[in-house]
Amino acid sequence: MVQQSGRERKTESSAKESSSSVKSFLQPGSLPLVYTVWFFYSSLLTAKVVLLFKLDVAQSLDADSAFGPQLLKVIIASAAVVFLLLVETHNNAEPHSDHQAYIYYLITSTVFEIFDSVTFLGILFPTQSRIVLTYPLENSVLLLSCVNFILPTMTLYKLSLSEFGKKPRSLGLQLLYKCLHLGLVNIPYFVIRVYLWSLYDHDVTLFLLKNILAVVIAARTAVPDIKLWWHSIQESQGKRRKFFSNAMELGAVYEITDNHGDDSNLPSYEKKVLHSTEL
């Protein structure tokens, strides 16, 4: 019984935090320039990457040159350093706190995702992959890689809403990011890599396993978040129904008392009912 009551209190507190995070959604938060800078930086980066590959500049680089595909991939992967510096602007938490743990998780996971996108772009280098892709598949690889550069904007926005860990992180935004990351990154990456592996015998072992683990972990962690989110919605709807029912009862009382609380003109039996309900 003690454990059950403790779990109920924990669920109620989590629901209150999630409902308050829903209210704080679509607010600028603290340091709004952080996620704004990353959005413009990642947009500019993806525009340059698209131009380099669509104009066949990247494909024509000499693999034996110092300014070849390897240097280009290192320059693109350096976006992880920019993301790390932007996240560190929110890192004023106490050691071993929940906010600091989330920042460390965000740095490691997002940096690894950026490296995954750079490796995925390596498929477009025919001198390294030894594969000549079809036009639709080439566009798919380029588009999905660029999407993974822009998606971390949502994580920085969620970090900004927490205001250095003083407020709970937005649960709805967290679920939205997981769904987008599954549908636009890990699942498409997995499908394309399996296709290249089966058809062209392309080596995709390492990051193929990463995509599988990412899908499993996201599905595993999304289930309790969905339950908590649904519980917070039900709680907010219950409070809203209670508010409107109380307002309707109050309006009925004013209507009975001649709209001004004056019951002098009421029949005696209506006064008796009114005063009995008030007591």
C-alpha atoms as a PDB file:
ATOM      1  CA  MET A   1       0.000   0.000   0.000  1.00  0.00           C
ATOM      2  CA  VAL A   2       2.839   2.386   0.776  1.00  0.00           C
ATOM      3  CA  GLN A   3       4.496   1.684  -2.581  1.00  0.00           C
ATOM      4  CA  GLN A   4       1.203   2.080  -4.401  1.00  0.00           C
ATOM      5  CA  SER A   5       0.461   5.430  -2.749  1.00  0.00           C
ATOM      6  CA  GLY A   6       3.996   6.554  -3.536  1.00  0.00           C
ATOM      7  CA  ARG A   7       3.543   5.635  -7.183  1.00  0.00           C
ATOM      8  CA  GLU A   8       0.217   7.482  -7.283  1.00  0.00           C
ATOM      9  CA  ARG A   9       1.814  10.627  -5.823  1.00  0.00           C
ATOM     10  CA  LYS A  10       4.644  10.345  -8.343  1.00  0.00           C
ATOM     11  CA  THR A  11       2.185   9.978 -11.224  1.00  0.00           C
ATOM     12  CA  GLU A  12       0.160  12.956 -10.019  1.00  0.00           C
ATOM     13  CA  SER A  13       3.248  15.144  -9.687  1.00  0.00           C
ATOM     14  CA  SER A  14       4.475  14.071 -13.118  1.00  0.00           C
ATOM     15  CA  ALA A  15       1.068  14.851 -14.591  1.00  0.00           C
ATOM     16  CA  LYS A  16       1.153  18.312 -13.004  1.00  0.00           C
ATOM     17  CA  GLU A  17       4.610  18.917 -14.445  1.00  0.00           C
ATOM     18  CA  SER A  18       3.510  17.764 -17.905  1.00  0.00           C
ATOM     19  CA  SER A  19       0.382  19.940 -17.796  1.00  0.00           C
ATOM     20  CA  SER A  20       2.460  22.947 -16.786  1.00  0.00           C
ATOM     21  CA  SER A  21       4.883  22.163 -19.595  1.00  0.00           C
ATOM     22  CA  VAL A  22       1.974  22.162 -22.048  1.00  0.00           C
ATOM     23  CA  LYS A  23       1.059  25.672 -20.853  1.00  0.00           C
ATOM     24  CA  SER A  24       4.644  26.856 -21.367  1.00  0.00           C
ATOM     25  CA  PHE A  25       4.689  25.543 -24.933  1.00  0.00           C
ATOM     26  CA  LEU A  26       5.133  28.129 -27.708  1.00  0.00           C
ATOM     27  CA  GLN A  27       6.892  30.538 -25.342  1.00  0.00           C
ATOM     28  CA  PRO A  28      10.335  31.946 -26.181  1.00  0.00           C
ATOM     29  CA  GLY A  29      11.984  30.576 -23.042  1.00  0.00           C
ATOM     30  CA  SER A  30      15.415  31.592 -21.790  1.00  0.00           C
ATOM     31  CA  LEU A  31      18.184  32.427 -24.272  1.00  0.00           C
ATOM     32  CA  PRO A  32      15.971  32.215 -27.391  1.00  0.00           C
ATOM     33  CA  LEU A  33      18.922  33.156 -29.580  1.00  0.00           C
ATOM     34  CA  VAL A  34      20.470  29.733 -28.908  1.00  0.00           C
ATOM     35  CA  TYR A  35      17.940  27.683 -30.851  1.00  0.00           C
ATOM     36  CA  THR A  36      17.494  30.539 -33.347  1.00  0.00           C
ATOM     37  CA  VAL A  37      21.222  30.546 -34.108  1.00  0.00           C
ATOM     38  CA  TRP A  38      21.259  26.774 -34.568  1.00  0.00           C
ATOM     39  CA  PHE A  39      18.241  26.910 -36.884  1.00  0.00           C
ATOM     40  CA  PHE A  40      19.860  29.483 -39.168  1.00  0.00           C
ATOM     41  CA  TYR A  41      23.251  27.762 -38.964  1.00  0.00           C
ATOM     42  CA  SER A  42      21.830  24.325 -39.814  1.00  0.00           C
ATOM     43  CA  SER A  43      19.688  25.803 -42.595  1.00  0.00           C
ATOM     44  CA  LEU A  44      22.739  27.481 -44.123  1.00  0.00           C
ATOM     45  CA  LEU A  45      24.741  24.266 -43.722  1.00  0.00           C
ATOM     46  CA  THR A  46      22.097  22.153 -45.440  1.00  0.00           C
ATOM     47  CA  ALA A  47      21.816  24.688 -48.279  1.00  0.00           C
ATOM     48  CA  LYS A  48      25.568  24.465 -48.880  1.00  0.00           C
ATOM     49  CA  VAL A  49      25.517  20.665 -48.706  1.00  0.00           C
ATOM     50  CA  VAL A  50      22.679  20.477 -51.227  1.00  0.00           C
ATOM     51  CA  LEU A  51      24.475  22.816 -53.632  1.00  0.00           C
ATOM     52  CA  LEU A  52      27.751  20.902 -53.328  1.00  0.00           C
ATOM     53  CA  PHE A  53      26.131  17.576 -54.165  1.00  0.00           C
ATOM     54  CA  LYS A  54      23.569  18.757 -56.722  1.00  0.00           C
ATOM     55  CA  LEU A  55      26.222  20.662 -58.689  1.00  0.00           C
ATOM     56  CA  ASP A  56      28.506  17.569 -58.564  1.00  0.00           C
ATOM     57  CA  VAL A  57      31.223  19.500 -56.750  1.00  0.00           C
ATOM     58  CA  ALA A  58      31.536  17.005 -53.899  1.00  0.00           C
ATOM     59  CA  GLN A  59      31.473  13.985 -56.224  1.00  0.00           C
ATOM     60  CA  SER A  60      34.293  15.402 -58.337  1.00  0.00           C
ATOM     61  CA  LEU A  61      36.716  15.797 -55.415  1.00  0.00           C
ATOM     62  CA  ASP A  62      39.924  13.807 -55.683  1.00  0.00           C
ATOM     63  CA  ALA A  63      40.033  11.076 -53.039  1.00  0.00           C
ATOM     64  CA  ASP A  64      43.855  11.237 -52.882  1.00  0.00           C
ATOM     65  CA  SER A  65      43.960  14.995 -52.388  1.00  0.00           C
ATOM     66  CA  ALA A  66      44.238  16.694 -49.021  1.00  0.00           C
ATOM     67  CA  PHE A  67      41.142  18.715 -49.946  1.00  0.00           C
ATOM     68  CA  GLY A  68      39.137  15.649 -50.845  1.00  0.00           C
ATOM     69  CA  PRO A  69      35.965  13.998 -49.548  1.00  0.00           C
ATOM     70  CA  GLN A  70      37.491  13.281 -46.139  1.00  0.00           C
ATOM     71  CA  LEU A  71      38.110  16.966 -45.419  1.00  0.00           C
ATOM     72  CA  LEU A  72      34.617  17.845 -46.603  1.00  0.00           C
ATOM     73  CA  LYS A  73      33.089  15.316 -44.219  1.00  0.00           C
ATOM     74  CA  VAL A  74      35.225  16.647 -41.353  1.00  0.00           C
ATOM     75  CA  ILE A  75      34.021  20.195 -42.068  1.00  0.00           C
ATOM     76  CA  ILE A  76      30.373  19.084 -42.113  1.00  0.00           C
ATOM     77  CA  ALA A  77      30.857  17.026 -38.942  1.00  0.00           C
ATOM     78  CA  SER A  78      32.288  20.092 -37.174  1.00  0.00           C
ATOM     79  CA  ALA A  79      28.659  21.197 -36.778  1.00  0.00           C
ATOM     80  CA  ALA A  80      28.703  18.944 -33.712  1.00  0.00           C
ATOM     81  CA  VAL A  81      31.183  21.345 -32.075  1.00  0.00           C
ATOM     82  CA  VAL A  82      28.849  24.276 -32.714  1.00  0.00           C
ATOM     83  CA  PHE A  83      25.949  22.349 -31.209  1.00  0.00           C
ATOM     84  CA  LEU A  84      28.033  21.440 -28.153  1.00  0.00           C
ATOM     85  CA  LEU A  85      28.926  25.088 -27.526  1.00  0.00           C
ATOM     86  CA  LEU A  86      25.287  26.156 -27.841  1.00  0.00           C
ATOM     87  CA  VAL A  87      24.136  23.490 -25.374  1.00  0.00           C
ATOM     88  CA  GLU A  88      26.838  24.467 -22.892  1.00  0.00           C
ATOM     89  CA  THR A  89      25.287  27.936 -22.619  1.00  0.00           C
ATOM     90  CA  HIS A  90      22.480  26.282 -20.608  1.00  0.00           C
ATOM     91  CA  ASN A  91      24.827  24.285 -18.394  1.00  0.00           C
ATOM     92  CA  ASN A  92      24.808  26.011 -15.023  1.00  0.00           C
ATOM     93  CA  ALA A  93      23.214  23.111 -13.164  1.00  0.00           C
ATOM     94  CA  GLU A  94      24.499  21.566  -9.985  1.00  0.00           C
ATOM     95  CA  PRO A  95      26.609  18.411 -10.285  1.00  0.00           C
ATOM     96  CA  HIS A  96      24.659  15.151 -10.571  1.00  0.00           C
ATOM     97  CA  SER A  97      21.367  17.008 -11.084  1.00  0.00           C
ATOM     98  CA  ASP A  98      18.662  15.977 -13.531  1.00  0.00           C
ATOM     99  CA  HIS A  99      19.283  19.053 -15.688  1.00  0.00           C
ATOM    100  CA  GLN A 100      22.986  18.314 -15.991  1.00  0.00           C
ATOM    101  CA  ALA A 101      22.287  14.662 -16.849  1.00  0.00           C
ATOM    102  CA  TYR A 102      19.905  15.752 -19.590  1.00  0.00           C
ATOM    103  CA  ILE A 103      22.498  18.137 -21.032  1.00  0.00           C
ATOM    104  CA  TYR A 104      25.118  15.382 -21.159  1.00  0.00           C
ATOM    105  CA  TYR A 105      22.609  13.040 -22.792  1.00  0.00           C
ATOM    106  CA  LEU A 106      21.664  15.703 -25.329  1.00  0.00           C
ATOM    107  CA  ILE A 107      25.282  16.361 -26.253  1.00  0.00           C
ATOM    108  CA  THR A 108      26.240  12.720 -26.745  1.00  0.00           C
ATOM    109  CA  SER A 109      23.071  11.662 -28.586  1.00  0.00           C
ATOM    110  CA  THR A 110      22.903  14.646 -30.944  1.00  0.00           C
ATOM    111  CA  VAL A 111      26.615  14.582 -31.737  1.00  0.00           C
ATOM    112  CA  PHE A 112      26.292  10.904 -32.606  1.00  0.00           C
ATOM    113  CA  GLU A 113      23.299  11.701 -34.827  1.00  0.00           C
ATOM    114  CA  ILE A 114      25.314  14.346 -36.689  1.00  0.00           C
ATOM    115  CA  PHE A 115      28.089  11.820 -37.276  1.00  0.00           C
ATOM    116  CA  ASP A 116      25.472   9.381 -38.534  1.00  0.00           C
ATOM    117  CA  SER A 117      24.241  11.938 -41.067  1.00  0.00           C
ATOM    118  CA  VAL A 118      27.781  12.644 -42.272  1.00  0.00           C
ATOM    119  CA  THR A 119      28.382   8.909 -42.705  1.00  0.00           C
ATOM    120  CA  PHE A 120      25.069   8.643 -44.536  1.00  0.00           C
ATOM    121  CA  LEU A 121      26.195  11.412 -46.900  1.00  0.00           C
ATOM    122  CA  GLY A 122      29.292   9.315 -47.633  1.00  0.00           C
ATOM    123  CA  ILE A 123      27.076   7.060 -49.764  1.00  0.00           C
ATOM    124  CA  LEU A 124      26.935   9.882 -52.322  1.00  0.00           C
ATOM    125  CA  PHE A 125      30.710   9.782 -52.906  1.00  0.00           C
ATOM    126  CA  PRO A 126      31.134   7.257 -55.749  1.00  0.00           C
ATOM    127  CA  THR A 127      34.897   7.068 -55.227  1.00  0.00           C
ATOM    128  CA  GLN A 128      34.358   5.742 -51.693  1.00  0.00           C
ATOM    129  CA  SER A 129      31.073   3.859 -51.812  1.00  0.00           C
ATOM    130  CA  ARG A 130      31.651   2.387 -55.295  1.00  0.00           C
ATOM    131  CA  ILE A 131      27.921   2.835 -55.864  1.00  0.00           C
ATOM    132  CA  VAL A 132      26.107   4.869 -58.486  1.00  0.00           C
ATOM    133  CA  LEU A 133      22.712   5.646 -56.995  1.00  0.00           C
ATOM    134  CA  THR A 134      19.539   6.326 -58.903  1.00  0.00           C
ATOM    135  CA  TYR A 135      18.249   9.887 -59.000  1.00  0.00           C
ATOM    136  CA  PRO A 136      15.355   9.378 -56.504  1.00  0.00           C
ATOM    137  CA  LEU A 137      17.568   7.454 -54.083  1.00  0.00           C
ATOM    138  CA  GLU A 138      20.263  10.110 -54.261  1.00  0.00           C
ATOM    139  CA  ASN A 139      17.727  12.829 -53.475  1.00  0.00           C
ATOM    140  CA  SER A 140      16.351  10.766 -50.583  1.00  0.00           C
ATOM    141  CA  VAL A 141      19.792  10.327 -49.027  1.00  0.00           C
ATOM    142  CA  LEU A 142      20.541  14.029 -49.403  1.00  0.00           C
ATOM    143  CA  LEU A 143      17.180  15.161 -48.018  1.00  0.00           C
ATOM    144  CA  LEU A 144      17.182  12.821 -45.003  1.00  0.00           C
ATOM    145  CA  SER A 145      20.744  13.783 -44.100  1.00  0.00           C
ATOM    146  CA  CYS A 146      19.879  17.479 -44.160  1.00  0.00           C
ATOM    147  CA  VAL A 147      16.745  16.946 -42.046  1.00  0.00           C
ATOM    148  CA  ASN A 148      18.863  15.417 -39.297  1.00  0.00           C
ATOM    149  CA  PHE A 149      20.918  18.620 -39.125  1.00  0.00           C
ATOM    150  CA  ILE A 150      17.839  20.810 -38.521  1.00  0.00           C
ATOM    151  CA  LEU A 151      15.956  18.557 -36.060  1.00  0.00           C
ATOM    152  CA  PRO A 152      18.196  19.399 -33.034  1.00  0.00           C
ATOM    153  CA  THR A 153      16.550  22.839 -33.063  1.00  0.00           C
ATOM    154  CA  MET A 154      13.644  21.239 -31.190  1.00  0.00           C
ATOM    155  CA  THR A 155      15.928  19.901 -28.464  1.00  0.00           C
ATOM    156  CA  LEU A 156      17.508  23.329 -27.965  1.00  0.00           C
ATOM    157  CA  TYR A 157      14.051  24.886 -27.820  1.00  0.00           C
ATOM    158  CA  LYS A 158      12.974  22.343 -25.217  1.00  0.00           C
ATOM    159  CA  LEU A 159      16.112  23.099 -23.236  1.00  0.00           C
ATOM    160  CA  SER A 160      15.329  26.797 -23.436  1.00  0.00           C
ATOM    161  CA  LEU A 161      11.793  26.267 -22.117  1.00  0.00           C
ATOM    162  CA  SER A 162      13.153  24.584 -18.989  1.00  0.00           C
ATOM    163  CA  GLU A 163      14.917  27.859 -18.026  1.00  0.00           C
ATOM    164  CA  PHE A 164      18.094  26.261 -16.694  1.00  0.00           C
ATOM    165  CA  GLY A 165      16.208  23.358 -15.123  1.00  0.00           C
ATOM    166  CA  LYS A 166      13.793  25.498 -13.083  1.00  0.00           C
ATOM    167  CA  LYS A 167      10.762  24.310 -15.086  1.00  0.00           C
ATOM    168  CA  PRO A 168       9.850  20.798 -16.264  1.00  0.00           C
ATOM    169  CA  ARG A 169      10.722  19.949 -19.859  1.00  0.00           C
ATOM    170  CA  SER A 170       7.871  19.957 -22.345  1.00  0.00           C
ATOM    171  CA  LEU A 171       6.465  16.430 -22.635  1.00  0.00           C
ATOM    172  CA  GLY A 172       4.524  17.143 -25.817  1.00  0.00           C
ATOM    173  CA  LEU A 173       7.604  18.569 -27.516  1.00  0.00           C
ATOM    174  CA  GLN A 174       9.617  15.557 -26.417  1.00  0.00           C
ATOM    175  CA  LEU A 175       7.088  13.133 -27.940  1.00  0.00           C
ATOM    176  CA  LEU A 176       6.954  15.174 -31.142  1.00  0.00           C
ATOM    177  CA  TYR A 177      10.744  15.088 -31.465  1.00  0.00           C
ATOM    178  CA  LYS A 178      10.835  11.320 -30.944  1.00  0.00           C
ATOM    179  CA  CYS A 179       8.156  10.740 -33.575  1.00  0.00           C
ATOM    180  CA  LEU A 180       9.892  12.999 -36.098  1.00  0.00           C
ATOM    181  CA  HIS A 181      13.247  11.429 -35.379  1.00  0.00           C
ATOM    182  CA  LEU A 182      11.847   7.944 -35.889  1.00  0.00           C
ATOM    183  CA  GLY A 183       9.932   8.786 -39.048  1.00  0.00           C
ATOM    184  CA  LEU A 184      12.527  11.029 -40.689  1.00  0.00           C
ATOM    185  CA  VAL A 185      15.872   9.660 -39.502  1.00  0.00           C
ATOM    186  CA  ASN A 186      16.268   6.213 -37.990  1.00  0.00           C
ATOM    187  CA  ILE A 187      13.615   4.242 -39.878  1.00  0.00           C
ATOM    188  CA  PRO A 188      14.437   5.714 -43.344  1.00  0.00           C
ATOM    189  CA  TYR A 189      18.180   5.340 -42.680  1.00  0.00           C
ATOM    190  CA  PHE A 190      17.613   1.721 -41.711  1.00  0.00           C
ATOM    191  CA  VAL A 191      15.533   0.964 -44.825  1.00  0.00           C
ATOM    192  CA  ILE A 192      18.010   2.569 -47.227  1.00  0.00           C
ATOM    193  CA  ARG A 193      20.998   0.873 -45.600  1.00  0.00           C
ATOM    194  CA  VAL A 194      19.337  -2.534 -45.727  1.00  0.00           C
ATOM    195  CA  TYR A 195      18.550  -1.894 -49.404  1.00  0.00           C
ATOM    196  CA  LEU A 196      22.165  -0.970 -50.193  1.00  0.00           C
ATOM    197  CA  TRP A 197      23.453  -3.918 -48.200  1.00  0.00           C
ATOM    198  CA  SER A 198      21.223  -6.455 -49.932  1.00  0.00           C
ATOM    199  CA  LEU A 199      21.522  -5.050 -53.449  1.00  0.00           C
ATOM    200  CA  TYR A 200      25.047  -3.619 -53.624  1.00  0.00           C
ATOM    201  CA  ASP A 201      26.708  -5.444 -50.707  1.00  0.00           C
ATOM    202  CA  HIS A 202      27.597  -2.078 -49.183  1.00  0.00           C
ATOM    203  CA  ASP A 203      29.205  -2.116 -45.712  1.00  0.00           C
ATOM    204  CA  VAL A 204      26.644  -0.524 -43.352  1.00  0.00           C
ATOM    205  CA  THR A 205      27.039  -2.768 -40.318  1.00  0.00           C
ATOM    206  CA  LEU A 206      27.954  -0.253 -37.600  1.00  0.00           C
ATOM    207  CA  PHE A 207      25.367   2.456 -38.169  1.00  0.00           C
ATOM    208  CA  LEU A 208      22.746  -0.084 -39.216  1.00  0.00           C
ATOM    209  CA  LEU A 209      22.900  -1.488 -35.686  1.00  0.00           C
ATOM    210  CA  LYS A 210      22.764   2.065 -34.362  1.00  0.00           C
ATOM    211  CA  ASN A 211      19.500   2.680 -36.229  1.00  0.00           C
ATOM    212  CA  ILE A 212      17.999  -0.543 -34.873  1.00  0.00           C
ATOM    213  CA  LEU A 213      18.954   0.310 -31.288  1.00  0.00           C
ATOM    214  CA  ALA A 214      17.676   3.868 -31.685  1.00  0.00           C
ATOM    215  CA  VAL A 215      14.276   2.633 -32.887  1.00  0.00           C
ATOM    216  CA  VAL A 216      13.990   0.152 -29.997  1.00  0.00           C
ATOM    217  CA  ILE A 217      15.051   2.698 -27.359  1.00  0.00           C
ATOM    218  CA  ALA A 218      12.735   5.391 -28.722  1.00  0.00           C
ATOM    219  CA  ALA A 219       9.776   3.012 -28.764  1.00  0.00           C
ATOM    220  CA  ARG A 220      10.609   1.803 -25.249  1.00  0.00           C
ATOM    221  CA  THR A 221      10.877   5.311 -23.764  1.00  0.00           C
ATOM    222  CA  ALA A 222       7.905   6.711 -25.692  1.00  0.00           C
ATOM    223  CA  VAL A 223       5.373   4.336 -24.104  1.00  0.00           C
ATOM    224  CA  PRO A 224       5.506   5.802 -20.541  1.00  0.00           C
ATOM    225  CA  ASP A 225       5.667   9.320 -21.981  1.00  0.00           C
ATOM    226  CA  ILE A 226       2.503   8.713 -24.020  1.00  0.00           C
ATOM    227  CA  LYS A 227       0.717   7.335 -20.939  1.00  0.00           C
ATOM    228  CA  LEU A 228       1.754  10.352 -18.877  1.00  0.00           C
ATOM    229  CA  TRP A 229       0.759  12.740 -21.658  1.00  0.00           C
ATOM    230  CA  TRP A 230      -2.654  11.080 -21.980  1.00  0.00           C
ATOM    231  CA  HIS A 231      -3.127  11.223 -18.191  1.00  0.00           C
ATOM    232  CA  SER A 232      -2.336  14.951 -18.178  1.00  0.00           C
ATOM    233  CA  ILE A 233      -4.859  15.549 -20.983  1.00  0.00           C
ATOM    234  CA  GLN A 234      -7.561  13.659 -19.094  1.00  0.00           C
ATOM    235  CA  GLU A 235      -6.770  15.620 -15.930  1.00  0.00           C
ATOM    236  CA  SER A 236      -6.960  18.980 -17.718  1.00  0.00           C
ATOM    237  CA  GLN A 237     -10.251  18.014 -19.367  1.00  0.00           C
ATOM    238  CA  GLY A 238     -11.657  16.966 -15.977  1.00  0.00           C
ATOM    239  CA  LYS A 239     -10.686  20.312 -14.465  1.00  0.00           C
ATOM    240  CA  ARG A 240     -12.249  22.120 -17.416  1.00  0.00           C
ATOM    241  CA  ARG A 241     -15.521  20.192 -17.097  1.00  0.00           C
ATOM    242  CA  LYS A 242     -15.587  20.876 -13.345  1.00  0.00           C
ATOM    243  CA  PHE A 243     -15.025  24.581 -13.950  1.00  0.00           C
ATOM    244  CA  PHE A 244     -17.842  24.854 -16.478  1.00  0.00           C
ATOM    245  CA  SER A 245     -20.227  22.832 -14.293  1.00  0.00           C
ATOM    246  CA  ASN A 246     -19.521  25.142 -11.335  1.00  0.00           C
ATOM    247  CA  ALA A 247     -20.053  28.165 -13.571  1.00  0.00           C
ATOM    248  CA  MET A 248     -23.386  26.791 -14.762  1.00  0.00           C
ATOM    249  CA  GLU A 249     -24.496  26.107 -11.175  1.00  0.00           C
ATOM    250  CA  LEU A 250     -23.498  29.630 -10.149  1.00  0.00           C
ATOM    251  CA  GLY A 251     -25.431  31.054 -13.114  1.00  0.00           C
ATOM    252  CA  ALA A 252     -28.482  29.036 -12.123  1.00  0.00           C
ATOM    253  CA  VAL A 253     -28.318  30.436  -8.569  1.00  0.00           C
ATOM    254  CA  TYR A 254     -28.157  34.002  -9.897  1.00  0.00           C
ATOM    255  CA  GLU A 255     -31.049  33.285 -12.240  1.00  0.00           C
ATOM    256  CA  ILE A 256     -33.174  31.917  -9.392  1.00  0.00           C
ATOM    257  CA  THR A 257     -32.433  34.941  -7.197  1.00  0.00           C
ATOM    258  CA  ASP A 258     -33.711  37.432  -9.786  1.00  0.00           C
ATOM    259  CA  ASN A 259     -30.246  37.801 -11.415  1.00  0.00           C
ATOM    260  CA  HIS A 260     -28.978  40.054  -8.582  1.00  0.00           C
ATOM    261  CA  GLY A 261     -29.027  37.839  -5.530  1.00  0.00           C
ATOM    262  CA  ASP A 262     -32.298  39.434  -4.344  1.00  0.00           C
ATOM    263  CA  ASP A 263     -34.688  36.703  -3.152  1.00  0.00           C
ATOM    264  CA  SER A 264     -37.320  39.016  -1.614  1.00  0.00           C
ATOM    265  CA  ASN A 265     -39.754  38.431  -4.494  1.00  0.00           C
ATOM    266  CA  LEU A 266     -39.412  34.642  -4.458  1.00  0.00           C
ATOM    267  CA  PRO A 267     -42.139  32.345  -3.165  1.00  0.00           C
ATOM    268  CA  SER A 268     -41.561  30.917   0.267  1.00  0.00           C
ATOM    269  CA  TYR A 269     -40.959  27.346  -0.922  1.00  0.00           C
ATOM    270  CA  GLU A 270     -38.257  28.500  -3.412  1.00  0.00           C
ATOM    271  CA  LYS A 271     -36.548  30.483  -0.640  1.00  0.00           C
ATOM    272  CA  LYS A 272     -36.553  27.361   1.501  1.00  0.00           C
ATOM    273  CA  VAL A 273     -34.940  25.309  -1.270  1.00  0.00           C
ATOM    274  CA  LEU A 274     -32.370  28.027  -1.985  1.00  0.00           C
ATOM    275  CA  HIS A 275     -31.333  28.470   1.652  1.00  0.00           C
ATOM    276  CA  SER A 276     -31.184  24.721   2.209  1.00  0.00           C
ATOM    277  CA  THR A 277     -28.807  24.300  -0.727  1.00  0.00           C
ATOM    278  CA  GLU A 278     -26.655  27.158   0.518  1.00  0.00           C
ATOM    279  CA  LEU A 279     -26.300  25.544   3.924  1.00  0.00           C
END
